[in-house]
Amino acid sequence: MGKKKVVQKIGDGPKEEVAVTKTSGGSSRKVENGTVYVNASYNNTVITVTDAGGNVLAWSSAGALGFTGPKKATPFAAAKVAAAVIEKIKKSGPFNISIVVKGIGGGRDSAVRTFSGQGFNVLSVRDATPIPHNGPRPPKVRRI
C-alpha cells in the first residue's frame, strides 16, 4: 500500500486578497468584417459568427436557448437565436457581415431579417444549401 503521510497545516497568517479580472465570452478585439452562418434544418437553427479568418466569435442555437422539441424549428426561435448572437457580438463586431444560409428549415428568413434589421451592413446573402446530383433515394414524404 505504501506509507501514510501526515499533512501539516501551514500557518493561518493574514490572507491577501487578489483582484481577479474576469473576461466575458467573446473576443475583446474589434473585428470589422465577418461571416454569419445560418444552419436551418428541419429540427433546429444554429447561427455561427466568424471573422475573416474563420475563427468563431460567437454561436447559439435554438436548443441552447431552451427551446425543446418542434419549437426549435420555428421562425420565432430563429429570431431569438439571432438576437442572442447579436447580443454577444454587439461590442466587438463584426459590423460588415456576409450571410451564408444553409438548409431548408423554417428559420431561414427570420434569422436573415433579424440581422439586417439590427444595424449591420449586410454585404451579401448566399444560399449554400447542399443539392444532390441524384444521390440516394430521399425518404418518403410524411403524410399527417
Foldseek 3Di string as FASTA:
>chain_A
DDDDDDDDDDDPDDDDDDDDDDDDAFDPAAAAEWEWEWEQEAWWIKIFIAGPVRHTGDIDILVRVPDDDNVRQALVSLLVRLVVRCVSCVPRDHQEYEYEYEYDTNNRPSSVVSSVVPNGRYPYYHYPYDDDPDDDDDDDDDDD
